[in-house]
Amino acid sequence: MSDCQRPNRPESLPPEHIPRVEELQTVSVLFKQLSDASRLRIFWLLCHCEACGTELSAIVEMTPPAVAHHLRLLRSSHLLVSRREGKEVYYRAADTAQAQALHHMIEEMVEISCPRDGRG
């Protein structure tokens, strides 16, 4: 839950505290990138390890072109970084506040919807 207090009525919320659409555009783009379950899975994996496209294809059981498509979209959103080693390109989650927040959110949501140790 947010630390923000909820006003009793919408009109009591100061207009300067309401985000403009332009300010939320980045968040919208990031959420669109993660709206695909396969892409979400790839992002989560790359939060925990570094891997090349070939390795990812085997892990997620997708064709290399499909994985490449998802990697391209995640990189364009600055959620992933890459490095080249010979012919291979290795990917990992970016060390940014956005990538870390999304990773944390994914793990919280999975824990809530799929508890593993009998809690709630």
PDB file of N, CA and C in Angstrom:
ATOM      1  N   MET A   1       0.838  -1.169   0.000  1.00  0.00           N
ATOM      2  CA  MET A   1       0.000   0.000   0.000  1.00  0.00           C
ATOM      3  C   MET A   1       0.887   1.237   0.000  1.00  0.00           C
ATOM      4  N   SER A   2       0.453   2.264  -0.643  1.00  0.00           N
ATOM      5  CA  SER A   2       1.201   3.502  -0.763  1.00  0.00           C
ATOM      6  C   SER A   2       1.252   4.253   0.562  1.00  0.00           C
ATOM      7  N   ASP A   3       2.299   5.065   0.728  1.00  0.00           N
ATOM      8  CA  ASP A   3       2.404   5.911   1.908  1.00  0.00           C
ATOM      9  C   ASP A   3       1.517   7.142   1.797  1.00  0.00           C
ATOM     10  N   CYS A   4       0.958   7.387   0.620  1.00  0.00           N
ATOM     11  CA  CYS A   4       0.103   8.549   0.415  1.00  0.00           C
ATOM     12  C   CYS A   4      -1.204   8.376   1.181  1.00  0.00           C
ATOM     13  N   GLN A   5      -1.657   9.467   1.767  1.00  0.00           N
ATOM     14  CA  GLN A   5      -2.952   9.430   2.426  1.00  0.00           C
ATOM     15  C   GLN A   5      -4.027   9.663   1.381  1.00  0.00           C
ATOM     16  N   ARG A   6      -5.132   8.968   1.537  1.00  0.00           N
ATOM     17  CA  ARG A   6      -6.239   9.136   0.600  1.00  0.00           C
ATOM     18  C   ARG A   6      -7.158  10.250   1.084  1.00  0.00           C
ATOM     19  N   PRO A   7      -7.451  11.218   0.214  1.00  0.00           N
ATOM     20  CA  PRO A   7      -8.385  12.278   0.610  1.00  0.00           C
ATOM     21  C   PRO A   7      -9.803  11.708   0.678  1.00  0.00           C
ATOM     22  N   ASN A   8     -10.633  12.352   1.434  1.00  0.00           N
ATOM     23  CA  ASN A   8     -12.023  11.916   1.548  1.00  0.00           C
ATOM     24  C   ASN A   8     -12.789  12.126   0.254  1.00  0.00           C
ATOM     25  N   ARG A   9     -12.479  13.181  -0.463  1.00  0.00           N
ATOM     26  CA  ARG A   9     -13.195  13.518  -1.689  1.00  0.00           C
ATOM     27  C   ARG A   9     -12.192  13.842  -2.790  1.00  0.00           C
ATOM     28  N   PRO A  10     -12.500  13.501  -4.045  1.00  0.00           N
ATOM     29  CA  PRO A  10     -11.556  13.796  -5.137  1.00  0.00           C
ATOM     30  C   PRO A  10     -11.195  15.273  -5.240  1.00  0.00           C
ATOM     31  N   GLU A  11     -12.140  16.146  -4.963  1.00  0.00           N
ATOM     32  CA  GLU A  11     -11.860  17.578  -5.094  1.00  0.00           C
ATOM     33  C   GLU A  11     -10.875  18.083  -4.035  1.00  0.00           C
ATOM     34  N   SER A  12     -10.623  17.278  -2.994  1.00  0.00           N
ATOM     35  CA  SER A  12      -9.660  17.698  -1.980  1.00  0.00           C
ATOM     36  C   SER A  12      -8.216  17.382  -2.391  1.00  0.00           C
ATOM     37  N   LEU A  13      -8.032  16.681  -3.503  1.00  0.00           N
ATOM     38  CA  LEU A  13      -6.691  16.386  -4.004  1.00  0.00           C
ATOM     39  C   LEU A  13      -6.186  17.601  -4.781  1.00  0.00           C
ATOM     40  N   PRO A  14      -5.068  18.199  -4.356  1.00  0.00           N
ATOM     41  CA  PRO A  14      -4.559  19.388  -5.059  1.00  0.00           C
ATOM     42  C   PRO A  14      -4.194  19.058  -6.506  1.00  0.00           C
ATOM     43  N   PRO A  15      -4.605  19.889  -7.443  1.00  0.00           N
ATOM     44  CA  PRO A  15      -4.319  19.620  -8.867  1.00  0.00           C
ATOM     45  C   PRO A  15      -2.836  19.435  -9.172  1.00  0.00           C
ATOM     46  N   GLU A  16      -1.964  20.117  -8.454  1.00  0.00           N
ATOM     47  CA  GLU A  16      -0.526  19.994  -8.726  1.00  0.00           C
ATOM     48  C   GLU A  16       0.024  18.627  -8.326  1.00  0.00           C
ATOM     49  N   HIS A  17      -0.760  17.842  -7.586  1.00  0.00           N
ATOM     50  CA  HIS A  17      -0.329  16.507  -7.196  1.00  0.00           C
ATOM     51  C   HIS A  17      -0.840  15.414  -8.143  1.00  0.00           C
ATOM     52  N   ILE A  18      -1.642  15.793  -9.106  1.00  0.00           N
ATOM     53  CA  ILE A  18      -2.167  14.829 -10.075  1.00  0.00           C
ATOM     54  C   ILE A  18      -1.182  14.752 -11.239  1.00  0.00           C
ATOM     55  N   PRO A  19      -0.605  13.573 -11.499  1.00  0.00           N
ATOM     56  CA  PRO A  19       0.361  13.469 -12.604  1.00  0.00           C
ATOM     57  C   PRO A  19      -0.285  13.770 -13.950  1.00  0.00           C
ATOM     58  N   ARG A  20       0.496  14.404 -14.817  1.00  0.00           N
ATOM     59  CA  ARG A  20       0.036  14.658 -16.183  1.00  0.00           C
ATOM     60  C   ARG A  20       0.205  13.380 -16.991  1.00  0.00           C
ATOM     61  N   VAL A  21      -0.565  13.243 -18.055  1.00  0.00           N
ATOM     62  CA  VAL A  21      -0.487  12.059 -18.914  1.00  0.00           C
ATOM     63  C   VAL A  21       0.933  11.870 -19.422  1.00  0.00           C
ATOM     64  N   GLU A  22       1.595  12.939 -19.795  1.00  0.00           N
ATOM     65  CA  GLU A  22       2.957  12.852 -20.312  1.00  0.00           C
ATOM     66  C   GLU A  22       3.904  12.247 -19.278  1.00  0.00           C
ATOM     67  N   GLU A  23       3.669  12.562 -18.002  1.00  0.00           N
ATOM     68  CA  GLU A  23       4.531  12.042 -16.946  1.00  0.00           C
ATOM     69  C   GLU A  23       4.347  10.534 -16.766  1.00  0.00           C
ATOM     70  N   LEU A  24       3.189  10.022 -17.074  1.00  0.00           N
ATOM     71  CA  LEU A  24       2.898   8.597 -16.905  1.00  0.00           C
ATOM     72  C   LEU A  24       3.167   7.781 -18.163  1.00  0.00           C
ATOM     73  N   GLN A  25       3.572   8.438 -19.249  1.00  0.00           N
ATOM     74  CA  GLN A  25       3.818   7.742 -20.509  1.00  0.00           C
ATOM     75  C   GLN A  25       4.901   6.688 -20.373  1.00  0.00           C
ATOM     76  N   THR A  26       5.987   6.996 -19.669  1.00  0.00           N
ATOM     77  CA  THR A  26       7.069   6.029 -19.481  1.00  0.00           C
ATOM     78  C   THR A  26       6.563   4.790 -18.764  1.00  0.00           C
ATOM     79  N   VAL A  27       5.766   4.986 -17.728  1.00  0.00           N
ATOM     80  CA  VAL A  27       5.212   3.850 -16.979  1.00  0.00           C
ATOM     81  C   VAL A  27       4.324   3.016 -17.891  1.00  0.00           C
ATOM     82  N   SER A  28       3.522   3.673 -18.698  1.00  0.00           N
ATOM     83  CA  SER A  28       2.638   2.973 -19.618  1.00  0.00           C
ATOM     84  C   SER A  28       3.423   2.116 -20.608  1.00  0.00           C
ATOM     85  N   VAL A  29       4.498   2.656 -21.148  1.00  0.00           N
ATOM     86  CA  VAL A  29       5.328   1.911 -22.097  1.00  0.00           C
ATOM     87  C   VAL A  29       5.950   0.693 -21.413  1.00  0.00           C
ATOM     88  N   LEU A  30       6.448   0.868 -20.193  1.00  0.00           N
ATOM     89  CA  LEU A  30       7.050  -0.258 -19.472  1.00  0.00           C
ATOM     90  C   LEU A  30       6.025  -1.343 -19.195  1.00  0.00           C
ATOM     91  N   PHE A  31       4.825  -0.962 -18.775  1.00  0.00           N
ATOM     92  CA  PHE A  31       3.788  -1.955 -18.505  1.00  0.00           C
ATOM     93  C   PHE A  31       3.371  -2.674 -19.780  1.00  0.00           C
ATOM     94  N   LYS A  32       3.345  -1.978 -20.914  1.00  0.00           N
ATOM     95  CA  LYS A  32       3.026  -2.640 -22.184  1.00  0.00           C
ATOM     96  C   LYS A  32       4.076  -3.691 -22.514  1.00  0.00           C
ATOM     97  N   GLN A  33       5.343  -3.378 -22.234  1.00  0.00           N
ATOM     98  CA  GLN A  33       6.407  -4.341 -22.509  1.00  0.00           C
ATOM     99  C   GLN A  33       6.220  -5.607 -21.690  1.00  0.00           C
ATOM    100  N   LEU A  34       5.695  -5.467 -20.483  1.00  0.00           N
ATOM    101  CA  LEU A  34       5.551  -6.610 -19.597  1.00  0.00           C
ATOM    102  C   LEU A  34       4.161  -7.233 -19.667  1.00  0.00           C
ATOM    103  N   SER A  35       3.366  -6.833 -20.635  1.00  0.00           N
ATOM    104  CA  SER A  35       2.013  -7.388 -20.746  1.00  0.00           C
ATOM    105  C   SER A  35       1.997  -8.754 -21.419  1.00  0.00           C
ATOM    106  N   ASP A  36       3.110  -9.190 -21.929  1.00  0.00           N
ATOM    107  CA  ASP A  36       3.226 -10.499 -22.558  1.00  0.00           C
ATOM    108  C   ASP A  36       3.898 -11.454 -21.578  1.00  0.00           C
ATOM    109  N   ALA A  37       3.260 -12.585 -21.289  1.00  0.00           N
ATOM    110  CA  ALA A  37       3.775 -13.511 -20.282  1.00  0.00           C
ATOM    111  C   ALA A  37       5.160 -14.048 -20.640  1.00  0.00           C
ATOM    112  N   SER A  38       5.413 -14.319 -21.902  1.00  0.00           N
ATOM    113  CA  SER A  38       6.738 -14.818 -22.300  1.00  0.00           C
ATOM    114  C   SER A  38       7.804 -13.756 -22.073  1.00  0.00           C
ATOM    115  N   ARG A  39       7.492 -12.528 -22.412  1.00  0.00           N
ATOM    116  CA  ARG A  39       8.436 -11.429 -22.218  1.00  0.00           C
ATOM    117  C   ARG A  39       8.694 -11.207 -20.722  1.00  0.00           C
ATOM    118  N   LEU A  40       7.641 -11.303 -19.951  1.00  0.00           N
ATOM    119  CA  LEU A  40       7.747 -11.161 -18.502  1.00  0.00           C
ATOM    120  C   LEU A  40       8.657 -12.244 -17.929  1.00  0.00           C
ATOM    121  N   ARG A  41       8.503 -13.456 -18.421  1.00  0.00           N
ATOM    122  CA  ARG A  41       9.324 -14.585 -17.970  1.00  0.00           C
ATOM    123  C   ARG A  41      10.798 -14.367 -18.328  1.00  0.00           C
ATOM    124  N   ILE A  42      11.045 -13.915 -19.550  1.00  0.00           N
ATOM    125  CA  ILE A  42      12.415 -13.636 -19.987  1.00  0.00           C
ATOM    126  C   ILE A  42      13.024 -12.533 -19.125  1.00  0.00           C
ATOM    127  N   PHE A  43      12.263 -11.480 -18.881  1.00  0.00           N
ATOM    128  CA  PHE A  43      12.764 -10.389 -18.048  1.00  0.00           C
ATOM    129  C   PHE A  43      13.101 -10.906 -16.653  1.00  0.00           C
ATOM    130  N   TRP A  44      12.204 -11.694 -16.069  1.00  0.00           N
ATOM    131  CA  TRP A  44      12.437 -12.227 -14.730  1.00  0.00           C
ATOM    132  C   TRP A  44      13.712 -13.080 -14.704  1.00  0.00           C
ATOM    133  N   LEU A  45      13.870 -13.943 -15.698  1.00  0.00           N
ATOM    134  CA  LEU A  45      15.076 -14.782 -15.762  1.00  0.00           C
ATOM    135  C   LEU A  45      16.340 -13.931 -15.803  1.00  0.00           C
ATOM    136  N   LEU A  46      16.293 -12.867 -16.603  1.00  0.00           N
ATOM    137  CA  LEU A  46      17.470 -12.029 -16.773  1.00  0.00           C
ATOM    138  C   LEU A  46      17.709 -11.105 -15.583  1.00  0.00           C
ATOM    139  N   CYS A  47      16.764 -11.046 -14.670  1.00  0.00           N
ATOM    140  CA  CYS A  47      17.000 -10.361 -13.397  1.00  0.00           C
ATOM    141  C   CYS A  47      17.856 -11.229 -12.483  1.00  0.00           C
ATOM    142  N   HIS A  48      17.898 -12.538 -12.779  1.00  0.00           N
ATOM    143  CA  HIS A  48      18.600 -13.489 -11.926  1.00  0.00           C
ATOM    144  C   HIS A  48      19.874 -14.048 -12.548  1.00  0.00           C
ATOM    145  N   CYS A  49      20.057 -13.837 -13.840  1.00  0.00           N
ATOM    146  CA  CYS A  49      21.252 -14.369 -14.489  1.00  0.00           C
ATOM    147  C   CYS A  49      21.521 -13.593 -15.767  1.00  0.00           C
ATOM    148  N   GLU A  50      22.675 -13.869 -16.334  1.00  0.00           N
ATOM    149  CA  GLU A  50      23.026 -13.338 -17.646  1.00  0.00           C
ATOM    150  C   GLU A  50      22.956 -14.506 -18.614  1.00  0.00           C
ATOM    151  N   ALA A  51      22.375 -14.294 -19.793  1.00  0.00           N
ATOM    152  CA  ALA A  51      22.267 -15.393 -20.753  1.00  0.00           C
ATOM    153  C   ALA A  51      22.250 -14.843 -22.171  1.00  0.00           C
ATOM    154  N   CYS A  52      22.652 -15.708 -23.102  1.00  0.00           N
ATOM    155  CA  CYS A  52      22.577 -15.348 -24.518  1.00  0.00           C
ATOM    156  C   CYS A  52      21.240 -15.833 -25.063  1.00  0.00           C
ATOM    157  N   GLY A  53      20.914 -15.390 -26.249  1.00  0.00           N
ATOM    158  CA  GLY A  53      19.642 -15.759 -26.867  1.00  0.00           C
ATOM    159  C   GLY A  53      19.460 -17.256 -27.016  1.00  0.00           C
ATOM    160  N   THR A  54      20.521 -17.966 -27.371  1.00  0.00           N
ATOM    161  CA  THR A  54      20.445 -19.418 -27.536  1.00  0.00           C
ATOM    162  C   THR A  54      20.092 -20.094 -26.212  1.00  0.00           C
ATOM    163  N   GLU A  55      20.740 -19.676 -25.143  1.00  0.00           N
ATOM    164  CA  GLU A  55      20.446 -20.238 -23.819  1.00  0.00           C
ATOM    165  C   GLU A  55      19.005 -19.938 -23.415  1.00  0.00           C
ATOM    166  N   LEU A  56      18.585 -18.709 -23.647  1.00  0.00           N
ATOM    167  CA  LEU A  56      17.211 -18.326 -23.289  1.00  0.00           C
ATOM    168  C   LEU A  56      16.189 -19.129 -24.080  1.00  0.00           C
ATOM    169  N   SER A  57      16.458 -19.345 -25.363  1.00  0.00           N
ATOM    170  CA  SER A  57      15.539 -20.121 -26.199  1.00  0.00           C
ATOM    171  C   SER A  57      15.318 -21.509 -25.625  1.00  0.00           C
ATOM    172  N   ALA A  58      16.399 -22.132 -25.168  1.00  0.00           N
ATOM    173  CA  ALA A  58      16.289 -23.473 -24.593  1.00  0.00           C
ATOM    174  C   ALA A  58      15.537 -23.441 -23.265  1.00  0.00           C
ATOM    175  N   ILE A  59      15.833 -22.453 -22.430  1.00  0.00           N
ATOM    176  CA  ILE A  59      15.209 -22.367 -21.111  1.00  0.00           C
ATOM    177  C   ILE A  59      13.704 -22.129 -21.217  1.00  0.00           C
ATOM    178  N   VAL A  60      13.308 -21.196 -22.075  1.00  0.00           N
ATOM    179  CA  VAL A  60      11.885 -20.831 -22.165  1.00  0.00           C
ATOM    180  C   VAL A  60      11.144 -21.620 -23.246  1.00  0.00           C
ATOM    181  N   GLU A  61      11.872 -22.496 -23.923  1.00  0.00           N
ATOM    182  CA  GLU A  61      11.289 -23.350 -24.966  1.00  0.00           C
ATOM    183  C   GLU A  61      10.551 -22.542 -26.039  1.00  0.00           C
ATOM    184  N   MET A  62      11.274 -21.557 -26.577  1.00  0.00           N
ATOM    185  CA  MET A  62      10.766 -20.727 -27.670  1.00  0.00           C
ATOM    186  C   MET A  62      11.798 -20.727 -28.786  1.00  0.00           C
ATOM    187  N   THR A  63      11.368 -20.390 -29.977  1.00  0.00           N
ATOM    188  CA  THR A  63      12.307 -20.320 -31.091  1.00  0.00           C
ATOM    189  C   THR A  63      13.244 -19.125 -30.898  1.00  0.00           C
ATOM    190  N   PRO A  64      14.473 -19.231 -31.423  1.00  0.00           N
ATOM    191  CA  PRO A  64      15.396 -18.093 -31.320  1.00  0.00           C
ATOM    192  C   PRO A  64      14.828 -16.781 -31.879  1.00  0.00           C
ATOM    193  N   PRO A  65      14.110 -16.788 -33.027  1.00  0.00           N
ATOM    194  CA  PRO A  65      13.548 -15.523 -33.500  1.00  0.00           C
ATOM    195  C   PRO A  65      12.515 -14.919 -32.535  1.00  0.00           C
ATOM    196  N   ALA A  66      11.722 -15.769 -31.889  1.00  0.00           N
ATOM    197  CA  ALA A  66      10.736 -15.264 -30.931  1.00  0.00           C
ATOM    198  C   ALA A  66      11.431 -14.643 -29.723  1.00  0.00           C
ATOM    199  N   VAL A  67      12.465 -15.312 -29.228  1.00  0.00           N
ATOM    200  CA  VAL A  67      13.217 -14.769 -28.094  1.00  0.00           C
ATOM    201  C   VAL A  67      13.897 -13.465 -28.496  1.00  0.00           C
ATOM    202  N   ALA A  68      14.476 -13.432 -29.693  1.00  0.00           N
ATOM    203  CA  ALA A  68      15.141 -12.214 -30.175  1.00  0.00           C
ATOM    204  C   ALA A  68      14.159 -11.044 -30.227  1.00  0.00           C
ATOM    205  N   HIS A  69      12.937 -11.303 -30.653  1.00  0.00           N
ATOM    206  CA  HIS A  69      11.904 -10.261 -30.702  1.00  0.00           C
ATOM    207  C   HIS A  69      11.652  -9.701 -29.296  1.00  0.00           C
ATOM    208  N   HIS A  70      11.476 -10.573 -28.321  1.00  0.00           N
ATOM    209  CA  HIS A  70      11.221 -10.126 -26.951  1.00  0.00           C
ATOM    210  C   HIS A  70      12.429  -9.377 -26.379  1.00  0.00           C
ATOM    211  N   LEU A  71      13.623  -9.870 -26.659  1.00  0.00           N
ATOM    212  CA  LEU A  71      14.824  -9.194 -26.180  1.00  0.00           C
ATOM    213  C   LEU A  71      14.944  -7.796 -26.771  1.00  0.00           C
ATOM    214  N   ARG A  72      14.632  -7.664 -28.043  1.00  0.00           N
ATOM    215  CA  ARG A  72      14.702  -6.362 -28.713  1.00  0.00           C
ATOM    216  C   ARG A  72      13.745  -5.368 -28.046  1.00  0.00           C
ATOM    217  N   LEU A  73      12.528  -5.819 -27.749  1.00  0.00           N
ATOM    218  CA  LEU A  73      11.553  -4.932 -27.110  1.00  0.00           C
ATOM    219  C   LEU A  73      11.981  -4.541 -25.694  1.00  0.00           C
ATOM    220  N   LEU A  74      12.490  -5.500 -24.946  1.00  0.00           N
ATOM    221  CA  LEU A  74      12.939  -5.206 -23.580  1.00  0.00           C
ATOM    222  C   LEU A  74      14.148  -4.272 -23.573  1.00  0.00           C
ATOM    223  N   ARG A  75      15.037  -4.461 -24.531  1.00  0.00           N
ATOM    224  CA  ARG A  75      16.193  -3.544 -24.632  1.00  0.00           C
ATOM    225  C   ARG A  75      15.754  -2.152 -25.017  1.00  0.00           C
ATOM    226  N   SER A  76      14.799  -2.049 -25.933  1.00  0.00           N
ATOM    227  CA  SER A  76      14.344  -0.719 -26.366  1.00  0.00           C
ATOM    228  C   SER A  76      13.656   0.042 -25.239  1.00  0.00           C
ATOM    229  N   SER A  77      13.169  -0.685 -24.242  1.00  0.00           N
ATOM    230  CA  SER A  77      12.556  -0.049 -23.068  1.00  0.00           C
ATOM    231  C   SER A  77      13.578   0.200 -21.964  1.00  0.00           C
ATOM    232  N   HIS A  78      14.834  -0.101 -22.229  1.00  0.00           N
ATOM    233  CA  HIS A  78      15.931   0.089 -21.281  1.00  0.00           C
ATOM    234  C   HIS A  78      15.793  -0.776 -20.028  1.00  0.00           C
ATOM    235  N   LEU A  79      15.111  -1.911 -20.179  1.00  0.00           N
ATOM    236  CA  LEU A  79      14.994  -2.855 -19.069  1.00  0.00           C
ATOM    237  C   LEU A  79      16.132  -3.866 -19.082  1.00  0.00           C
ATOM    238  N   LEU A  80      16.772  -4.036 -20.236  1.00  0.00           N
ATOM    239  CA  LEU A  80      17.894  -4.964 -20.383  1.00  0.00           C
ATOM    240  C   LEU A  80      19.109  -4.229 -20.902  1.00  0.00           C
ATOM    241  N   VAL A  81      20.268  -4.771 -20.557  1.00  0.00           N
ATOM    242  CA  VAL A  81      21.524  -4.331 -21.164  1.00  0.00           C
ATOM    243  C   VAL A  81      22.168  -5.565 -21.777  1.00  0.00           C
ATOM    244  N   SER A  82      23.079  -5.340 -22.698  1.00  0.00           N
ATOM    245  CA  SER A  82      23.720  -6.470 -23.372  1.00  0.00           C
ATOM    246  C   SER A  82      25.203  -6.207 -23.527  1.00  0.00           C
ATOM    247  N   ARG A  83      25.916  -7.301 -23.755  1.00  0.00           N
ATOM    248  CA  ARG A  83      27.344  -7.229 -24.063  1.00  0.00           C
ATOM    249  C   ARG A  83      27.644  -8.329 -25.066  1.00  0.00           C
ATOM    250  N   ARG A  84      28.578  -8.051 -25.939  1.00  0.00           N
ATOM    251  CA  ARG A  84      28.972  -9.027 -26.961  1.00  0.00           C
ATOM    252  C   ARG A  84      30.232  -9.748 -26.522  1.00  0.00           C
ATOM    253  N   GLU A  85      30.216 -11.065 -26.721  1.00  0.00           N
ATOM    254  CA  GLU A  85      31.395 -11.887 -26.479  1.00  0.00           C
ATOM    255  C   GLU A  85      31.529 -12.810 -27.677  1.00  0.00           C
ATOM    256  N   GLY A  86      32.456 -12.496 -28.563  1.00  0.00           N
ATOM    257  CA  GLY A  86      32.578 -13.251 -29.811  1.00  0.00           C
ATOM    258  C   GLY A  86      31.326 -13.071 -30.647  1.00  0.00           C
ATOM    259  N   LYS A  87      30.714 -14.192 -31.046  1.00  0.00           N
ATOM    260  CA  LYS A  87      29.486 -14.122 -31.843  1.00  0.00           C
ATOM    261  C   LYS A  87      28.236 -13.975 -30.993  1.00  0.00           C
ATOM    262  N   GLU A  88      28.361 -14.248 -29.698  1.00  0.00           N
ATOM    263  CA  GLU A  88      27.185 -14.232 -28.819  1.00  0.00           C
ATOM    264  C   GLU A  88      26.977 -12.871 -28.170  1.00  0.00           C
ATOM    265  N   VAL A  89      25.694 -12.555 -27.960  1.00  0.00           N
ATOM    266  CA  VAL A  89      25.306 -11.366 -27.210  1.00  0.00           C
ATOM    267  C   VAL A  89      24.646 -11.857 -25.936  1.00  0.00           C
ATOM    268  N   TYR A  90      25.151 -11.376 -24.815  1.00  0.00           N
ATOM    269  CA  TYR A  90      24.626 -11.773 -23.510  1.00  0.00           C
ATOM    270  C   TYR A  90      23.772 -10.644 -22.944  1.00  0.00           C
ATOM    271  N   TYR A  91      22.666 -11.017 -22.333  1.00  0.00           N
ATOM    272  CA  TYR A  91      21.701 -10.060 -21.804  1.00  0.00           C
ATOM    273  C   TYR A  91      21.544 -10.252 -20.305  1.00  0.00           C
ATOM    274  N   ARG A  92      21.226  -9.153 -19.637  1.00  0.00           N
ATOM    275  CA  ARG A  92      20.867  -9.177 -18.221  1.00  0.00           C
ATOM    276  C   ARG A  92      19.983  -7.956 -17.965  1.00  0.00           C
ATOM    277  N   ALA A  93      19.304  -7.988 -16.830  1.00  0.00           N
ATOM    278  CA  ALA A  93      18.463  -6.855 -16.474  1.00  0.00           C
ATOM    279  C   ALA A  93      19.337  -5.625 -16.230  1.00  0.00           C
ATOM    280  N   ALA A  94      18.832  -4.485 -16.633  1.00  0.00           N
ATOM    281  CA  ALA A  94      19.553  -3.237 -16.416  1.00  0.00           C
ATOM    282  C   ALA A  94      19.599  -2.930 -14.920  1.00  0.00           C
ATOM    283  N   ASP A  95      20.647  -2.267 -14.516  1.00  0.00           N
ATOM    284  CA  ASP A  95      20.777  -1.868 -13.113  1.00  0.00           C
ATOM    285  C   ASP A  95      20.174  -0.475 -12.946  1.00  0.00           C
ATOM    286  N   THR A  96      18.853  -0.404 -13.165  1.00  0.00           N
ATOM    287  CA  THR A  96      18.144   0.868 -13.053  1.00  0.00           C
ATOM    288  C   THR A  96      17.027   0.736 -12.022  1.00  0.00           C
ATOM    289  N   ALA A  97      16.580   1.862 -11.547  1.00  0.00           N
ATOM    290  CA  ALA A  97      15.476   1.865 -10.581  1.00  0.00           C
ATOM    291  C   ALA A  97      14.233   1.234 -11.185  1.00  0.00           C
ATOM    292  N   GLN A  98      13.961   1.511 -12.469  1.00  0.00           N
ATOM    293  CA  GLN A  98      12.774   0.961 -13.120  1.00  0.00           C
ATOM    294  C   GLN A  98      12.840  -0.561 -13.208  1.00  0.00           C
ATOM    295  N   ALA A  99      13.969  -1.089 -13.651  1.00  0.00           N
ATOM    296  CA  ALA A  99      14.108  -2.544 -13.777  1.00  0.00           C
ATOM    297  C   ALA A  99      14.023  -3.213 -12.411  1.00  0.00           C
ATOM    298  N   GLN A 100      14.647  -2.632 -11.418  1.00  0.00           N
ATOM    299  CA  GLN A 100      14.604  -3.210 -10.074  1.00  0.00           C
ATOM    300  C   GLN A 100      13.197  -3.169  -9.496  1.00  0.00           C
ATOM    301  N   ALA A 101      12.491  -2.058  -9.719  1.00  0.00           N
ATOM    302  CA  ALA A 101      11.117  -1.947  -9.211  1.00  0.00           C
ATOM    303  C   ALA A 101      10.204  -2.968  -9.888  1.00  0.00           C
ATOM    304  N   LEU A 102      10.357  -3.146 -11.199  1.00  0.00           N
ATOM    305  CA  LEU A 102       9.527  -4.117 -11.913  1.00  0.00           C
ATOM    306  C   LEU A 102       9.853  -5.540 -11.463  1.00  0.00           C
ATOM    307  N   HIS A 103      11.120  -5.828 -11.257  1.00  0.00           N
ATOM    308  CA  HIS A 103      11.511  -7.148 -10.773  1.00  0.00           C
ATOM    309  C   HIS A 103      10.877  -7.411  -9.408  1.00  0.00           C
ATOM    310  N   HIS A 104      10.967  -6.444  -8.526  1.00  0.00           N
ATOM    311  CA  HIS A 104      10.379  -6.583  -7.198  1.00  0.00           C
ATOM    312  C   HIS A 104       8.863  -6.788  -7.299  1.00  0.00           C
ATOM    313  N   MET A 105       8.228  -6.017  -8.167  1.00  0.00           N
ATOM    314  CA  MET A 105       6.780  -6.131  -8.344  1.00  0.00           C
ATOM    315  C   MET A 105       6.406  -7.525  -8.850  1.00  0.00           C
ATOM    316  N   ILE A 106       7.146  -8.051  -9.799  1.00  0.00           N
ATOM    317  CA  ILE A 106       6.870  -9.386 -10.335  1.00  0.00           C
ATOM    318  C   ILE A 106       6.977 -10.419  -9.218  1.00  0.00           C
ATOM    319  N   GLU A 107       8.033 -10.337  -8.453  1.00  0.00           N
ATOM    320  CA  GLU A 107       8.229 -11.323  -7.387  1.00  0.00           C
ATOM    321  C   GLU A 107       7.147 -11.207  -6.316  1.00  0.00           C
ATOM    322  N   GLU A 108       6.733  -9.997  -6.005  1.00  0.00           N
ATOM    323  CA  GLU A 108       5.655  -9.810  -5.027  1.00  0.00           C
ATOM    324  C   GLU A 108       4.340 -10.384  -5.557  1.00  0.00           C
ATOM    325  N   MET A 109       4.049 -10.148  -6.820  1.00  0.00           N
ATOM    326  CA  MET A 109       2.791 -10.623  -7.400  1.00  0.00           C
ATOM    327  C   MET A 109       2.773 -12.147  -7.492  1.00  0.00           C
ATOM    328  N   VAL A 110       3.877 -12.759  -7.863  1.00  0.00           N
ATOM    329  CA  VAL A 110       3.936 -14.215  -7.954  1.00  0.00           C
ATOM    330  C   VAL A 110       3.772 -14.814  -6.560  1.00  0.00           C
ATOM    331  N   GLU A 111       4.410 -14.221  -5.574  1.00  0.00           N
ATOM    332  CA  GLU A 111       4.298 -14.724  -4.205  1.00  0.00           C
ATOM    333  C   GLU A 111       2.859 -14.609  -3.702  1.00  0.00           C
ATOM    334  N   ILE A 112       2.191 -13.522  -4.074  1.00  0.00           N
ATOM    335  CA  ILE A 112       0.815 -13.327  -3.630  1.00  0.00           C
ATOM    336  C   ILE A 112      -0.123 -14.300  -4.337  1.00  0.00           C
ATOM    337  N   SER A 113       0.052 -14.456  -5.639  1.00  0.00           N
ATOM    338  CA  SER A 113      -0.879 -15.303  -6.390  1.00  0.00           C
ATOM    339  C   SER A 113      -0.497 -16.786  -6.353  1.00  0.00           C
ATOM    340  N   CYS A 114       0.754 -17.095  -6.047  1.00  0.00           N
ATOM    341  CA  CYS A 114       1.210 -18.482  -6.032  1.00  0.00           C
ATOM    342  C   CYS A 114       2.055 -18.740  -4.801  1.00  0.00           C
ATOM    343  N   PRO A 115       1.462 -18.686  -3.609  1.00  0.00           N
ATOM    344  CA  PRO A 115       2.276 -18.914  -2.412  1.00  0.00           C
ATOM    345  C   PRO A 115       2.876 -20.305  -2.409  1.00  0.00           C
ATOM    346  N   ARG A 116       4.140 -20.418  -2.006  1.00  0.00           N
ATOM    347  CA  ARG A 116       4.848 -21.679  -2.045  1.00  0.00           C
ATOM    348  C   ARG A 116       4.993 -22.320  -0.671  1.00  0.00           C
ATOM    349  N   ASP A 117       4.797 -21.544   0.375  1.00  0.00           N
ATOM    350  CA  ASP A 117       5.049 -22.120   1.697  1.00  0.00           C
ATOM    351  C   ASP A 117       3.825 -22.140   2.592  1.00  0.00           C
ATOM    352  N   GLY A 118       2.645 -22.035   2.011  1.00  0.00           N
ATOM    353  CA  GLY A 118       1.419 -22.159   2.779  1.00  0.00           C
ATOM    354  C   GLY A 118       0.944 -20.871   3.433  1.00  0.00           C
ATOM    355  N   ARG A 119       1.700 -19.785   3.250  1.00  0.00           N
ATOM    356  CA  ARG A 119       1.253 -18.507   3.824  1.00  0.00           C
ATOM    357  C   ARG A 119       0.127 -17.947   2.968  1.00  0.00           C
ATOM    358  N   GLY A 120      -0.974 -17.582   3.539  1.00  0.00           N
ATOM    359  CA  GLY A 120      -2.102 -16.907   2.893  1.00  0.00           C
ATOM    360  C   GLY A 120      -2.315 -17.311   1.525  1.00  0.00           C
TER     361      GLY A 120
END
